[in-house]
Amino acid sequence: MKDFRIEQETKGNIQIVRLTGSLDMYSFPRLETQLNTHLQQGHYAILLDCKDLDYIGSAGLGALIGFAKQAREKGGDVKLLNVPERIYKIIELLGFTKVLQVHTDESAALASFTAH
């Protein structure tokens, strides 16, 4: 299993957070800190690129919904990009696809932040 890594990129007013490895109860606090920092700095449009994610725990997913809710209260959102099929199935099974938008194309995901 790969070490958990977080890489940052900004496109316009959208923060792209690229995740690598396993997002579990040990690594999630690092992502939580990163997301809290974005929200505190007024960055409410956050796209999590999950292409290189091996695993995500249900507690982490639940917390992502909380971050999405906070961002939406400020006119933004937290959206997922390039979710591996095995992880997508878990997200779908838990009903989280009703709450978190999942995209397969980065440009479409970025455009979705401005489309209302």
Protein backbone atom coordinates (compact mmCIF):
# COMPACT_ATOMS: atom_id res chain seq x y z
CA MET A 1 0.00 0.00 0.00
CA LYS A 2 1.28 3.45 -0.91
CA ASP A 3 1.94 6.14 1.68
CA PHE A 4 -0.87 8.67 1.86
CA ARG A 5 0.00 11.89 0.03
CA ILE A 6 -1.84 15.14 -0.61
CA GLU A 7 -0.89 17.43 -3.50
CA GLN A 8 -2.40 20.87 -4.09
CA GLU A 9 -3.21 22.80 -7.20
CA THR A 10 -5.31 25.90 -7.76
CA LYS A 11 -7.27 26.59 -10.94
CA GLY A 12 -9.06 29.91 -10.77
CA ASN A 13 -10.93 29.91 -7.46
CA ILE A 14 -11.03 26.10 -7.28
CA GLN A 15 -8.70 24.16 -5.02
CA ILE A 16 -7.76 20.79 -6.51
CA VAL A 17 -6.58 18.35 -3.87
CA ARG A 18 -4.98 15.22 -5.37
CA LEU A 19 -5.00 12.21 -3.06
CA THR A 20 -2.68 9.19 -3.25
CA GLY A 21 -2.70 6.04 -1.13
CA SER A 22 -5.13 5.04 1.60
CA LEU A 23 -7.45 7.49 3.30
CA ASP A 24 -8.12 5.79 6.61
CA MET A 25 -8.51 6.80 10.24
CA TYR A 26 -4.75 7.36 10.51
CA SER A 27 -4.31 9.50 7.40
CA PHE A 28 -7.67 11.31 7.41
CA PRO A 29 -6.60 13.95 10.00
CA ARG A 30 -4.07 15.27 7.45
CA LEU A 31 -6.81 15.75 4.84
CA GLU A 32 -9.12 17.18 7.49
CA THR A 33 -6.49 19.79 8.41
CA GLN A 34 -6.04 20.67 4.73
CA LEU A 35 -9.79 21.04 4.12
CA ASN A 36 -10.25 23.11 7.29
CA THR A 37 -7.44 25.41 6.14
CA HIS A 38 -9.12 25.91 2.75
CA LEU A 39 -12.46 26.72 4.36
CA GLN A 40 -10.86 29.10 6.88
CA GLN A 41 -9.08 30.90 4.03
CA GLY A 42 -12.37 31.34 2.16
CA HIS A 43 -11.72 28.67 -0.47
CA TYR A 44 -15.11 27.00 -0.75
CA ALA A 45 -14.75 25.28 -4.15
CA ILE A 46 -12.77 22.08 -3.55
CA LEU A 47 -12.24 19.23 -5.99
CA LEU A 48 -10.78 16.02 -4.57
CA ASP A 49 -8.98 14.03 -7.26
CA CYS A 50 -9.15 10.40 -6.13
CA LYS A 51 -7.45 8.82 -9.16
CA ASP A 52 -4.56 7.43 -7.09
CA LEU A 53 -6.59 6.61 -3.99
CA ASP A 54 -6.38 2.94 -2.97
CA TYR A 55 -8.89 3.02 -0.13
CA ILE A 56 -11.23 5.33 1.72
CA GLY A 57 -12.87 4.47 5.02
CA SER A 58 -16.53 5.15 5.67
CA ALA A 59 -15.67 7.57 8.49
CA GLY A 60 -13.60 9.60 6.03
CA LEU A 61 -16.48 9.64 3.57
CA GLY A 62 -18.86 10.79 6.28
CA ALA A 63 -16.52 13.62 7.19
CA LEU A 64 -16.27 14.67 3.52
CA ILE A 65 -20.04 15.13 3.52
CA GLY A 66 -19.64 17.44 6.53
CA PHE A 67 -17.02 19.48 4.65
CA ALA A 68 -19.28 19.62 1.58
CA LYS A 69 -22.11 20.94 3.76
CA GLN A 70 -19.86 23.65 5.23
CA ALA A 71 -18.66 24.66 1.76
CA ARG A 72 -22.23 24.76 0.40
CA GLU A 73 -23.29 27.08 3.23
CA LYS A 74 -20.73 29.53 1.82
CA GLY A 75 -21.77 29.07 -1.83
CA GLY A 76 -19.12 26.44 -2.67
CA ASP A 77 -18.93 22.66 -2.68
CA VAL A 78 -16.65 19.66 -2.27
CA LYS A 79 -16.74 17.36 -5.29
CA LEU A 80 -14.96 14.14 -6.20
CA LEU A 81 -13.02 13.42 -9.39
CA ASN A 82 -11.66 10.20 -10.91
CA VAL A 83 -12.96 7.89 -8.18
CA PRO A 84 -11.68 4.33 -8.77
CA GLU A 85 -14.54 1.91 -9.48
CA ARG A 86 -14.07 -0.16 -6.31
CA ILE A 87 -14.28 3.01 -4.19
CA TYR A 88 -17.18 4.40 -6.23
CA LYS A 89 -19.17 1.23 -5.53
CA ILE A 90 -18.74 1.80 -1.79
CA ILE A 91 -19.74 5.46 -2.10
CA GLU A 92 -22.79 4.45 -4.11
CA LEU A 93 -23.72 1.61 -1.74
CA LEU A 94 -23.62 4.01 1.23
CA GLY A 95 -25.85 6.44 -0.68
CA PHE A 96 -23.19 9.16 -0.71
CA THR A 97 -23.53 9.73 -4.47
CA LYS A 98 -26.78 11.52 -3.62
CA VAL A 99 -24.80 14.01 -1.54
CA LEU A 100 -21.36 14.20 -3.19
CA GLN A 101 -21.03 14.92 -6.91
CA VAL A 102 -18.63 12.52 -8.62
CA HIS A 103 -17.00 13.48 -11.93
CA THR A 104 -14.85 11.54 -14.38
CA ASP A 105 -13.62 14.51 -16.41
CA GLU A 106 -11.58 17.29 -14.81
CA SER A 107 -12.76 20.09 -17.13
CA ALA A 108 -16.40 19.12 -16.62
CA ALA A 109 -15.81 18.97 -12.85
CA LEU A 110 -14.22 22.43 -12.86
CA ALA A 111 -17.04 23.83 -15.02
CA SER A 112 -19.63 22.34 -12.65
CA PHE A 113 -18.56 24.79 -9.93
CA THR A 114 -19.76 27.73 -12.02
CA ALA A 115 -22.81 26.08 -13.60
CA HIS A 116 -25.99 26.68 -11.62
